[in-house]
N, C-alpha and C. Protein backbone atom coordinates (compact mmCIF):
# COMPACT_ATOMS: atom_id res chain seq x y z
N UNK A 1 136.20 128.30 141.65
CA UNK A 1 135.27 129.06 140.58
C UNK A 1 134.23 127.73 140.51
N UNK A 2 133.34 127.86 140.09
CA UNK A 2 132.33 127.09 139.73
C UNK A 2 131.13 127.22 138.49
N UNK A 3 130.77 126.14 138.12
CA UNK A 3 129.70 126.60 136.70
C UNK A 3 128.89 125.52 136.78
N UNK A 4 127.80 125.83 136.51
CA UNK A 4 126.70 124.72 136.30
C UNK A 4 124.96 125.27 136.48
N UNK A 5 124.33 124.64 135.88
CA UNK A 5 122.40 124.66 136.27
C UNK A 5 122.53 124.99 138.04
N UNK A 6 122.94 124.27 138.59
CA UNK A 6 122.84 124.69 140.13
C UNK A 6 123.35 126.22 140.81
N UNK A 7 124.18 126.22 140.05
CA UNK A 7 124.69 127.84 140.38
C UNK A 7 123.80 129.41 140.70
N UNK A 8 123.53 130.00 141.51
CA UNK A 8 122.68 131.12 141.41
C UNK A 8 123.09 131.82 140.49
N UNK A 9 121.75 132.31 140.04
CA UNK A 9 122.11 133.18 138.87
C UNK A 9 122.83 135.03 138.92
N UNK A 10 122.69 135.19 140.63
CA UNK A 10 123.22 136.13 141.01
C UNK A 10 122.52 137.00 141.95
N UNK A 11 122.88 137.90 142.52
CA UNK A 11 122.24 138.64 143.95
C UNK A 11 120.90 139.00 143.21
N UNK A 12 119.94 139.00 144.07
CA UNK A 12 118.71 140.12 143.41
C UNK A 12 118.81 141.44 144.09
N UNK A 13 118.86 142.13 142.95
CA UNK A 13 118.92 143.60 142.57
C UNK A 13 120.22 144.28 142.80
N UNK A 14 121.24 143.69 143.00
CA UNK A 14 122.55 144.07 143.01
C UNK A 14 123.57 143.47 142.01
N UNK A 15 122.93 144.04 140.77
CA UNK A 15 124.36 143.76 139.59
C UNK A 15 125.68 144.14 139.74
N UNK A 16 125.96 144.75 140.58
CA UNK A 16 127.36 145.44 140.94
C UNK A 16 128.26 144.01 141.67
N UNK A 17 127.36 143.81 142.56
CA UNK A 17 127.94 142.52 143.41
C UNK A 17 128.14 141.41 142.48
N UNK A 18 127.11 141.10 141.87
CA UNK A 18 126.68 140.01 140.86
C UNK A 18 128.05 139.88 139.74
N UNK A 19 128.18 141.07 139.35
CA UNK A 19 129.21 141.16 138.13
C UNK A 19 130.65 140.90 138.80
N UNK A 20 130.97 140.67 140.32
CA UNK A 20 132.16 141.11 140.96
C UNK A 20 132.56 139.43 141.02
N UNK A 21 131.22 138.75 141.28
CA UNK A 21 130.91 137.19 141.52
C UNK A 21 131.51 136.57 140.31
N UNK A 22 131.11 136.88 139.06
CA UNK A 22 130.60 135.58 137.74
C UNK A 22 132.00 136.63 136.84
N UNK A 23 132.49 135.50 136.27
CA UNK A 23 133.61 135.61 135.46
C UNK A 23 133.12 136.31 133.63
N UNK A 24 133.66 136.63 132.69
CA UNK A 24 132.54 136.90 131.63
C UNK A 24 132.07 135.37 130.75
N UNK A 25 132.70 134.32 131.29
CA UNK A 25 132.06 133.28 130.61
C UNK A 25 131.26 131.99 131.82
N UNK A 26 130.89 132.74 133.00
CA UNK A 26 129.68 132.39 133.74
C UNK A 26 130.30 131.50 134.93
N UNK A 27 131.44 131.61 134.88
CA UNK A 27 131.95 130.93 136.36
C UNK A 27 131.64 131.93 137.46
N UNK A 28 131.24 131.34 138.51
CA UNK A 28 131.07 132.18 139.65
C UNK A 28 132.08 131.84 140.40
N UNK A 29 132.91 133.03 141.56
CA UNK A 29 134.25 133.03 142.07
C UNK A 29 133.49 132.62 143.60
N UNK A 30 133.75 131.86 144.03
CA UNK A 30 132.98 131.16 145.52
C UNK A 30 134.03 132.39 146.52
N UNK A 31 135.09 132.62 146.39
CA UNK A 31 135.79 132.99 147.53
C UNK A 31 136.08 131.91 148.35
N UNK A 32 136.16 130.55 148.11
CA UNK A 32 136.65 129.71 148.74
C UNK A 32 138.29 129.25 148.57
N UNK A 33 139.22 129.16 149.56
CA UNK A 33 140.72 128.85 149.22
C UNK A 33 140.62 127.45 149.52
N UNK A 34 141.61 126.76 148.62
CA UNK A 34 141.81 125.39 148.80
C UNK A 34 143.09 124.71 148.26
N UNK A 35 143.59 123.41 148.80
CA UNK A 35 144.63 123.14 147.82
C UNK A 35 144.09 121.47 147.30
N UNK A 36 144.62 121.24 146.05
CA UNK A 36 144.51 119.89 145.39
C UNK A 36 145.24 118.96 146.10
N UNK A 37 145.57 117.85 146.23
CA UNK A 37 146.08 116.49 146.79
C UNK A 37 146.55 116.25 144.97
N UNK A 38 147.51 115.18 145.36
CA UNK A 38 147.74 114.71 144.16
C UNK A 38 146.97 113.46 143.64
N UNK A 39 145.92 113.11 143.96
CA UNK A 39 144.98 112.62 143.49
C UNK A 39 143.68 113.46 142.62
N UNK A 40 143.80 114.68 142.81
CA UNK A 40 143.29 115.72 142.58
C UNK A 40 141.80 116.12 143.21
N UNK A 41 141.92 115.56 144.31
CA UNK A 41 140.68 116.14 145.72
C UNK A 41 140.89 117.37 145.68
N UNK A 42 140.15 117.95 146.38
CA UNK A 42 140.35 119.24 146.94
C UNK A 42 139.71 119.19 147.81
N UNK A 43 140.70 120.19 149.19
CA UNK A 43 140.29 120.30 150.06
C UNK A 43 140.31 121.79 150.70
N UNK A 44 139.11 122.45 150.92
CA UNK A 44 138.80 123.89 151.03
C UNK A 44 139.40 124.35 152.61
N UNK A 45 140.31 125.35 152.42
CA UNK A 45 141.34 125.70 153.54
C UNK A 45 140.69 126.83 154.50
N UNK A 46 140.00 128.01 153.52
CA UNK A 46 139.61 129.05 154.16
C UNK A 46 138.79 129.73 153.05
N UNK A 47 138.39 131.06 153.62
CA UNK A 47 137.92 131.62 152.50
C UNK A 47 138.99 133.20 152.14
N UNK A 48 139.09 133.55 151.01
CA UNK A 48 139.66 134.48 150.66
C UNK A 48 139.60 135.64 151.47
N UNK A 49 138.06 136.08 151.55
CA UNK A 49 137.51 137.46 152.31
C UNK A 49 138.40 137.59 153.60
N UNK A 50 138.43 136.24 154.09
CA UNK A 50 139.30 136.25 155.52
C UNK A 50 140.33 136.51 155.88
N UNK A 51 140.93 135.85 155.03
CA UNK A 51 142.72 135.69 154.74
C UNK A 51 143.25 137.20 155.32
N UNK A 52 144.37 137.20 156.25
CA UNK A 52 144.83 138.48 156.55
C UNK A 52 146.09 138.54 156.14
N UNK A 53 146.36 140.13 156.20
CA UNK A 53 147.86 140.68 155.67
C UNK A 53 148.80 140.65 156.70
N UNK A 54 149.47 140.06 157.29
CA UNK A 54 150.46 140.71 158.41
C UNK A 54 152.01 140.71 158.04
N UNK A 55 152.31 141.90 158.12
CA UNK A 55 153.65 142.09 157.70
C UNK A 55 153.87 141.63 156.23
N UNK A 56 153.00 141.60 155.84
CA UNK A 56 152.98 141.20 154.23
C UNK A 56 152.99 139.83 153.89
N UNK A 57 152.50 139.07 154.66
CA UNK A 57 152.51 137.71 154.70
C UNK A 57 151.11 137.41 154.94
N UNK A 58 150.25 136.47 153.92
CA UNK A 58 149.29 135.84 154.13
C UNK A 58 148.94 135.07 155.28
N UNK A 59 148.10 135.14 156.46
CA UNK A 59 147.45 134.38 157.27
C UNK A 59 146.39 134.20 157.14
N UNK A 60 145.93 132.67 157.52
CA UNK A 60 144.81 132.30 157.41
C UNK A 60 143.97 131.93 158.32
N UNK A 61 143.14 132.27 159.09
CA UNK A 61 142.44 132.57 160.23
C UNK A 61 141.89 130.94 160.61
N UNK A 62 141.84 130.49 159.89
CA UNK A 62 141.17 128.92 159.81
C UNK A 62 142.67 128.10 160.62
N UNK A 63 143.88 128.22 160.00
CA UNK A 63 145.00 127.52 160.49
C UNK A 63 144.85 128.06 161.97
N UNK A 64 144.82 128.97 162.32
CA UNK A 64 144.90 129.56 163.86
C UNK A 64 143.87 128.67 164.73
N UNK A 65 142.84 128.72 164.48
CA UNK A 65 141.37 128.36 164.77
C UNK A 65 141.70 127.19 165.00
N UNK A 66 141.91 126.04 163.91
CA UNK A 66 142.37 124.72 164.43
C UNK A 66 143.22 124.64 165.54
N UNK A 67 144.16 125.38 165.49
CA UNK A 67 144.92 124.80 166.63
C UNK A 67 144.66 125.39 168.10
N UNK A 68 143.72 126.39 167.93
CA UNK A 68 143.04 127.02 169.51
C UNK A 68 142.06 125.51 169.42
N UNK A 69 141.29 125.08 168.51
CA UNK A 69 140.38 124.14 168.77
C UNK A 69 141.12 122.76 169.57
N UNK A 70 142.15 122.55 169.25
CA UNK A 70 142.97 121.51 169.64
C UNK A 70 143.16 121.57 171.40
N UNK A 71 143.44 123.04 171.48
CA UNK A 71 143.69 122.98 173.09
C UNK A 71 142.74 122.72 174.09
N UNK A 72 142.70 121.58 175.21
CA UNK A 72 141.53 121.02 176.03
C UNK A 72 140.80 122.17 176.78
N UNK A 73 139.45 122.12 176.67
CA UNK A 73 138.28 122.87 177.09
C UNK A 73 138.21 123.77 176.29
N UNK A 74 138.59 124.17 175.24
CA UNK A 74 138.11 125.25 174.23
C UNK A 74 137.22 124.49 173.32
N UNK A 75 135.73 125.14 173.45
CA UNK A 75 134.54 124.74 172.70
C UNK A 75 134.55 125.57 171.16
N UNK A 76 134.85 126.41 171.18
CA UNK A 76 134.83 126.77 169.72
C UNK A 76 135.39 128.33 169.37
N UNK A 77 136.12 128.67 168.62
CA UNK A 77 136.99 129.31 168.44
C UNK A 77 137.04 130.19 166.74
N UNK A 78 137.24 131.60 166.90
CA UNK A 78 136.97 132.37 165.32
C UNK A 78 138.12 133.46 165.88
N UNK A 79 138.56 133.95 164.74
CA UNK A 79 140.12 134.38 164.39
C UNK A 79 139.54 135.53 163.40
N UNK A 80 140.07 136.87 163.77
CA UNK A 80 139.76 137.72 163.27
C UNK A 80 140.67 138.52 163.02
N UNK A 81 141.04 140.00 161.94
CA UNK A 81 142.18 140.57 161.68
C UNK A 81 141.76 141.93 162.45
N UNK A 82 142.31 142.86 163.02
CA UNK A 82 142.16 143.92 163.72
C UNK A 82 143.31 144.95 162.51
N UNK A 83 142.76 145.84 161.79
CA UNK A 83 143.65 146.90 161.06
C UNK A 83 144.78 147.58 162.48
N UNK A 84 145.65 147.52 161.64
CA UNK A 84 147.07 148.21 162.30
C UNK A 84 147.74 148.96 161.30
N UNK A 85 148.54 150.35 161.47
CA UNK A 85 148.98 150.92 160.30
C UNK A 85 150.40 150.08 159.89
N UNK A 86 150.88 149.50 161.18
CA UNK A 86 152.52 149.25 160.95
C UNK A 86 152.67 147.70 160.48
N UNK A 87 151.60 147.11 160.80
CA UNK A 87 151.31 145.44 160.88
C UNK A 87 150.39 144.91 160.12
N UNK A 88 149.57 145.57 159.59
CA UNK A 88 148.65 145.13 158.42
C UNK A 88 147.34 145.14 159.35
N UNK A 89 147.05 143.80 159.60
CA UNK A 89 146.10 142.74 160.33
C UNK A 89 146.39 141.97 160.93
N UNK A 90 147.25 142.29 162.23
CA UNK A 90 147.15 140.98 162.89
C UNK A 90 145.89 140.40 163.59
N UNK A 91 146.48 139.18 163.76
CA UNK A 91 144.97 138.46 164.29
C UNK A 91 144.60 138.28 165.80
N UNK A 92 143.06 138.23 166.17
CA UNK A 92 142.71 138.15 167.45
C UNK A 92 141.85 137.03 167.40
N UNK A 93 141.94 136.47 168.71
CA UNK A 93 140.84 135.21 168.73
C UNK A 93 139.72 135.54 169.87
N UNK A 94 138.47 134.80 169.60
CA UNK A 94 137.41 134.68 170.16
C UNK A 94 137.24 133.36 169.87
N UNK A 95 137.18 132.88 171.69
CA UNK A 95 137.17 131.75 172.33
C UNK A 95 136.00 131.53 173.22
N UNK A 96 135.40 130.42 173.05
CA UNK A 96 134.27 129.75 173.98
C UNK A 96 134.76 128.78 174.70
N UNK A 97 134.95 128.83 175.73
CA UNK A 97 135.20 127.61 176.71
C UNK A 97 134.27 126.65 176.82
N UNK A 98 134.77 125.26 177.12
CA UNK A 98 133.80 124.54 177.03
C UNK A 98 133.05 124.60 178.74
N UNK A 99 131.79 124.11 178.48
CA UNK A 99 131.15 124.13 179.94
C UNK A 99 131.88 123.85 181.29
N UNK A 100 132.08 124.42 182.62
CA UNK A 100 132.49 124.19 183.40
C UNK A 100 134.23 124.72 183.40
N UNK A 101 135.05 124.78 182.12
CA UNK A 101 136.26 124.98 182.03
C UNK A 101 136.62 126.62 182.13
N UNK A 102 137.53 126.97 182.85
CA UNK A 102 138.30 128.03 182.61
C UNK A 102 139.44 128.20 182.09
N UNK A 103 139.51 129.19 181.10
CA UNK A 103 140.70 129.13 180.16
C UNK A 103 141.60 130.54 180.36
N UNK A 104 142.76 130.75 180.03
CA UNK A 104 143.30 132.31 180.60
C UNK A 104 144.15 132.49 179.18
N UNK A 105 144.11 133.64 179.11
CA UNK A 105 144.59 134.32 177.68
C UNK A 105 146.44 133.65 177.71
N UNK A 106 147.13 134.04 178.60
CA UNK A 106 148.25 133.81 178.92
C UNK A 106 148.44 132.31 178.09
N UNK A 107 147.82 131.60 179.21
CA UNK A 107 148.41 130.01 178.79
C UNK A 107 147.72 129.52 177.40
N UNK A 108 146.55 130.17 177.02
CA UNK A 108 146.14 129.96 175.56
C UNK A 108 147.44 130.57 174.76
N UNK A 109 147.56 131.83 174.41
CA UNK A 109 148.76 132.08 173.67
C UNK A 109 149.90 131.45 173.81
N UNK A 110 150.59 131.11 175.02
CA UNK A 110 151.86 130.16 175.01
C UNK A 110 152.04 128.64 174.22
N UNK A 111 150.23 128.06 174.35
CA UNK A 111 149.83 127.06 173.21
C UNK A 111 150.25 127.55 171.94
N UNK A 112 149.37 128.46 171.28
CA UNK A 112 149.53 128.89 170.24
C UNK A 112 151.03 129.13 169.36
N UNK A 113 151.62 129.68 170.47
CA UNK A 113 153.01 130.07 170.02
C UNK A 113 153.69 128.95 169.97
N UNK A 114 153.58 127.87 170.69
CA UNK A 114 154.45 126.92 170.45
C UNK A 114 153.96 125.98 169.07
N UNK A 115 152.79 126.08 168.67
CA UNK A 115 152.53 125.65 167.48
C UNK A 115 152.27 126.05 166.12
N UNK A 116 152.53 127.64 166.28
CA UNK A 116 152.34 128.49 164.95
C UNK A 116 153.69 129.48 165.14
N UNK A 117 154.20 129.89 163.64
CA UNK A 117 154.64 130.96 163.98
C UNK A 117 154.53 132.08 164.38
N UNK A 118 155.42 132.94 165.01
CA UNK A 118 155.17 134.19 166.02
C UNK A 118 153.92 134.77 165.26
N UNK A 119 154.08 135.08 163.64
CA UNK A 119 153.26 136.31 163.29
C UNK A 119 151.81 135.77 162.84
N UNK A 120 151.61 134.56 163.41
CA UNK A 120 150.26 134.06 163.31
C UNK A 120 149.64 134.00 164.39
N UNK A 121 150.53 134.00 165.96
CA UNK A 121 149.81 134.29 166.99
C UNK A 121 149.16 135.69 167.39
N UNK A 122 147.61 135.30 167.64
CA UNK A 122 146.71 136.35 168.17
C UNK A 122 147.22 137.23 169.31
N UNK A 123 147.06 138.60 168.73
CA UNK A 123 147.09 139.99 169.64
C UNK A 123 146.81 139.59 170.57
N UNK A 124 145.49 139.22 170.85
CA UNK A 124 144.97 138.95 172.26
C UNK A 124 143.99 137.81 171.84
N UNK A 125 143.51 137.52 172.70
CA UNK A 125 142.10 136.30 172.78
C UNK A 125 141.17 136.64 173.63
N UNK A 126 140.00 137.11 173.62
CA UNK A 126 139.07 137.19 174.18
C UNK A 126 137.82 136.07 174.40
N UNK A 127 137.35 136.18 175.72
CA UNK A 127 136.32 134.82 175.82
C UNK A 127 134.96 135.41 176.11
N UNK A 128 134.36 134.53 175.22
CA UNK A 128 132.81 134.74 175.09
C UNK A 128 132.29 133.81 175.34
N UNK A 129 130.79 133.62 175.97
CA UNK A 129 130.12 132.66 176.56
C UNK A 129 129.46 132.00 175.32
N UNK A 130 129.40 132.56 173.89
CA UNK A 130 129.21 131.76 172.71
C UNK A 130 129.57 132.71 171.50
N UNK A 131 129.87 132.56 170.47
CA UNK A 131 130.09 133.03 169.78
C UNK A 131 128.95 133.71 168.77
N UNK A 132 128.79 134.58 168.01
CA UNK A 132 127.63 134.99 167.47
C UNK A 132 127.53 134.38 166.38
N UNK A 133 126.05 133.77 165.89
CA UNK A 133 126.46 133.03 164.93
C UNK A 133 124.53 133.28 163.69
N UNK A 134 124.85 133.25 162.64
CA UNK A 134 123.57 133.40 162.03
C UNK A 134 122.22 132.45 162.21
N UNK A 135 121.09 132.06 161.38
CA UNK A 135 120.37 131.13 161.57
C UNK A 135 120.82 129.92 161.12
N UNK A 136 121.75 129.55 160.52
CA UNK A 136 122.20 128.45 159.48
C UNK A 136 123.42 128.09 160.95
N UNK A 137 123.72 128.67 162.05
CA UNK A 137 124.96 128.25 162.56
C UNK A 137 126.03 128.56 162.16
N UNK A 138 126.30 129.02 161.35
CA UNK A 138 127.42 130.23 160.65
C UNK A 138 127.96 131.00 161.85
N UNK A 139 129.26 130.99 162.07
CA UNK A 139 129.93 132.13 163.21
C UNK A 139 129.80 133.11 162.27
N UNK A 140 129.31 134.76 162.75
CA UNK A 140 129.36 135.63 162.04
C UNK A 140 130.43 136.49 162.69
N UNK A 141 131.46 136.47 161.54
CA UNK A 141 132.81 137.16 161.42
C UNK A 141 132.69 138.50 161.64
N UNK A 142 131.56 139.20 160.82
CA UNK A 142 131.26 140.53 160.72
C UNK A 142 130.70 141.03 162.07
N UNK A 143 130.40 140.24 162.84
CA UNK A 143 129.49 140.79 164.00
C UNK A 143 131.03 141.03 165.19
N UNK A 144 131.95 140.33 165.04
CA UNK A 144 133.15 140.32 165.86
C UNK A 144 134.12 141.32 165.32
N UNK A 145 134.05 141.59 163.94
CA UNK A 145 134.66 142.51 163.60
C UNK A 145 134.52 143.87 164.12
N UNK A 146 132.93 144.23 164.34
CA UNK A 146 132.24 145.34 164.43
C UNK A 146 132.73 145.28 166.39
N UNK A 147 132.73 144.29 166.84
CA UNK A 147 132.86 144.41 168.38
C UNK A 147 134.14 144.33 168.43
N UNK A 148 135.34 144.58 167.83
CA UNK A 148 136.71 144.63 168.13
C UNK A 148 136.83 145.98 167.37
N UNK A 149 136.33 146.63 166.75
CA UNK A 149 136.20 148.03 166.19
C UNK A 149 135.59 148.96 166.80
N UNK A 150 135.03 148.29 168.03
CA UNK A 150 133.96 149.63 169.03
C UNK A 150 134.59 149.16 170.81
N UNK A 151 135.87 148.77 170.34
CA UNK A 151 136.75 148.15 171.30
C UNK A 151 136.19 147.30 172.48
């Protein structure tokens, strides 16, 4: 949570959304999650709204994305959850290979499995020539969620 003169006053014509973001004493909940080290420095680890619940366990897509980025030939990666009545939101990944690189799902999944717990391994990896982005370059996970919902 943050507070100060530089923080936005609220969402334009959206008082309900504004009320969800701010505490009674003016702190804005950013939705960022992080860890504080022994020196008091904070490292942002993920966004709360991106957190997945897999079999009752919190899974942070950024952790999976970081492992995918370490694989040679992966240019970019994004992880989202897909609704599952038994498992909650198992992760799936979207990966863009580097120019001239051919990646296959099986090899990439084996790599992830060697580096993460089984419940964090994506159910599937889909390859795209580029991940959808907004005007500022942020990956549009909402677009990926819509794409996953539409098959």
